Amino acid sequence: MNSQFVYILIGIVVLIIIALLVLIFGKQKKEKPFTILASLAFAFVLAGLLFGEERWLGYGLMGIGVILAVIDIVMKARRSK
């Protein structure tokens, strides 16, 4: 196993732990489903982790995911005003 695979594995495990914590402790609040844009952002970040062997592809996919997440946050903030 090379170090890149270990980093990818650690990233996936951390994301799974965060998702489980949200599922366990998030029941107290009213559940809001992911928007389509947030789902796409999450998918791009995961794809970036999975295809991290090629640096340009992994970072590019993660960058697209982060940009989509920021756009989703801004759109939600404008709607709540």
C-alpha atoms as a PDB file:
ATOM      1  CA  MET A   1       0.000   0.000   0.000  1.00  0.00           C
ATOM      2  CA  ASN A   2       1.375   3.366  -0.946  1.00  0.00           C
ATOM      3  CA  SER A   3       0.866   6.552   1.050  1.00  0.00           C
ATOM      4  CA  GLN A   4      -1.689   8.032  -1.375  1.00  0.00           C
ATOM      5  CA  PHE A   5      -4.004   5.071  -0.869  1.00  0.00           C
ATOM      6  CA  VAL A   6      -3.694   5.459   2.897  1.00  0.00           C
ATOM      7  CA  TYR A   7      -4.632   9.160   2.692  1.00  0.00           C
ATOM      8  CA  ILE A   8      -7.628   8.361   0.511  1.00  0.00           C
ATOM      9  CA  LEU A   9      -8.711   5.641   2.905  1.00  0.00           C
ATOM     10  CA  ILE A  10      -8.361   7.987   5.892  1.00  0.00           C
ATOM     11  CA  GLY A  11     -10.418  10.645   4.078  1.00  0.00           C
ATOM     12  CA  ILE A  12     -13.205   8.208   3.289  1.00  0.00           C
ATOM     13  CA  VAL A  13     -13.264   6.891   6.867  1.00  0.00           C
ATOM     14  CA  VAL A  14     -13.463  10.438   8.251  1.00  0.00           C
ATOM     15  CA  LEU A  15     -16.341  11.277   5.898  1.00  0.00           C
ATOM     16  CA  ILE A  16     -18.191   8.138   6.978  1.00  0.00           C
ATOM     17  CA  ILE A  17     -17.681   9.001  10.656  1.00  0.00           C
ATOM     18  CA  ILE A  18     -18.976  12.536  10.070  1.00  0.00           C
ATOM     19  CA  ALA A  19     -22.007  11.189   8.203  1.00  0.00           C
ATOM     20  CA  LEU A  20     -22.763   8.778  11.053  1.00  0.00           C
ATOM     21  CA  LEU A  21     -22.449  11.549  13.642  1.00  0.00           C
ATOM     22  CA  VAL A  22     -24.818  13.731  11.655  1.00  0.00           C
ATOM     23  CA  LEU A  23     -27.309  10.877  11.388  1.00  0.00           C
ATOM     24  CA  ILE A  24     -27.133  10.119  15.112  1.00  0.00           C
ATOM     25  CA  PHE A  25     -27.148  13.663  16.506  1.00  0.00           C
ATOM     26  CA  GLY A  26     -28.964  15.375  13.650  1.00  0.00           C
ATOM     27  CA  LYS A  27     -32.313  13.758  14.490  1.00  0.00           C
ATOM     28  CA  GLN A  28     -33.046  16.494  17.017  1.00  0.00           C
ATOM     29  CA  LYS A  29     -33.509  19.138  14.356  1.00  0.00           C
ATOM     30  CA  LYS A  30     -35.918  19.309  11.488  1.00  0.00           C
ATOM     31  CA  GLU A  31     -34.318  17.354   8.676  1.00  0.00           C
ATOM     32  CA  LYS A  32     -33.532  19.266   5.540  1.00  0.00           C
ATOM     33  CA  PRO A  33     -32.728  17.203   2.483  1.00  0.00           C
ATOM     34  CA  PHE A  34     -29.625  17.950   0.461  1.00  0.00           C
ATOM     35  CA  THR A  35     -30.173  20.277  -2.435  1.00  0.00           C
ATOM     36  CA  ILE A  36     -29.173  19.036  -5.859  1.00  0.00           C
ATOM     37  CA  LEU A  37     -26.198  21.398  -5.842  1.00  0.00           C
ATOM     38  CA  ALA A  38     -25.013  20.161  -2.431  1.00  0.00           C
ATOM     39  CA  SER A  39     -25.354  16.555  -3.580  1.00  0.00           C
ATOM     40  CA  LEU A  40     -23.272  17.293  -6.671  1.00  0.00           C
ATOM     41  CA  ALA A  41     -20.645  19.042  -4.545  1.00  0.00           C
ATOM     42  CA  PHE A  42     -20.431  16.031  -2.231  1.00  0.00           C
ATOM     43  CA  ALA A  43     -20.155  13.670  -5.196  1.00  0.00           C
ATOM     44  CA  PHE A  44     -17.346  15.717  -6.756  1.00  0.00           C
ATOM     45  CA  VAL A  45     -15.376  15.769  -3.497  1.00  0.00           C
ATOM     46  CA  LEU A  46     -15.757  11.998  -3.119  1.00  0.00           C
ATOM     47  CA  ALA A  47     -14.735  11.490  -6.737  1.00  0.00           C
ATOM     48  CA  GLY A  48     -11.704  13.679  -6.091  1.00  0.00           C
ATOM     49  CA  LEU A  49     -10.734  11.425  -3.206  1.00  0.00           C
ATOM     50  CA  LEU A  50     -11.257   8.283  -5.245  1.00  0.00           C
ATOM     51  CA  PHE A  51      -9.339   9.540  -8.281  1.00  0.00           C
ATOM     52  CA  GLY A  52      -6.576  11.133  -6.211  1.00  0.00           C
ATOM     53  CA  GLU A  53      -3.894   9.063  -7.897  1.00  0.00           C
ATOM     54  CA  GLU A  54      -3.730  11.621 -10.680  1.00  0.00           C
ATOM     55  CA  ARG A  55      -3.129  14.835  -8.760  1.00  0.00           C
ATOM     56  CA  TRP A  56      -4.556  17.200 -11.337  1.00  0.00           C
ATOM     57  CA  LEU A  57      -7.743  15.148 -11.618  1.00  0.00           C
ATOM     58  CA  GLY A  58      -8.210  14.638  -7.869  1.00  0.00           C
ATOM     59  CA  TYR A  59      -7.592  18.270  -6.968  1.00  0.00           C
ATOM     60  CA  GLY A  60      -9.674  19.441  -9.900  1.00  0.00           C
ATOM     61  CA  LEU A  61     -12.678  17.369  -8.860  1.00  0.00           C
ATOM     62  CA  MET A  62     -12.345  18.459  -5.229  1.00  0.00           C
ATOM     63  CA  GLY A  63     -12.048  22.077  -6.332  1.00  0.00           C
ATOM     64  CA  ILE A  64     -15.235  21.793  -8.377  1.00  0.00           C
ATOM     65  CA  GLY A  65     -16.965  20.270  -5.347  1.00  0.00           C
ATOM     66  CA  VAL A  66     -15.853  23.096  -3.067  1.00  0.00           C
ATOM     67  CA  ILE A  67     -16.947  25.741  -5.579  1.00  0.00           C
ATOM     68  CA  LEU A  68     -20.384  24.106  -5.907  1.00  0.00           C
ATOM     69  CA  ALA A  69     -20.703  23.933  -2.111  1.00  0.00           C
ATOM     70  CA  VAL A  70     -19.873  27.633  -1.761  1.00  0.00           C
ATOM     71  CA  ILE A  71     -22.405  28.522  -4.472  1.00  0.00           C
ATOM     72  CA  ASP A  72     -25.030  26.458  -2.623  1.00  0.00           C
ATOM     73  CA  ILE A  73     -24.240  28.218   0.668  1.00  0.00           C
ATOM     74  CA  VAL A  74     -24.510  31.656  -0.946  1.00  0.00           C
ATOM     75  CA  MET A  75     -27.813  30.753  -2.618  1.00  0.00           C
ATOM     76  CA  LYS A  76     -29.256  29.496   0.686  1.00  0.00           C
ATOM     77  CA  ALA A  77     -28.093  32.640   2.497  1.00  0.00           C
ATOM     78  CA  ARG A  78     -29.782  34.890  -0.069  1.00  0.00           C
ATOM     79  CA  ARG A  79     -33.038  32.902   0.159  1.00  0.00           C
ATOM     80  CA  SER A  80     -33.155  33.201   3.946  1.00  0.00           C
ATOM     81  CA  LYS A  81     -33.053  37.025   3.899  1.00  0.00           C
END
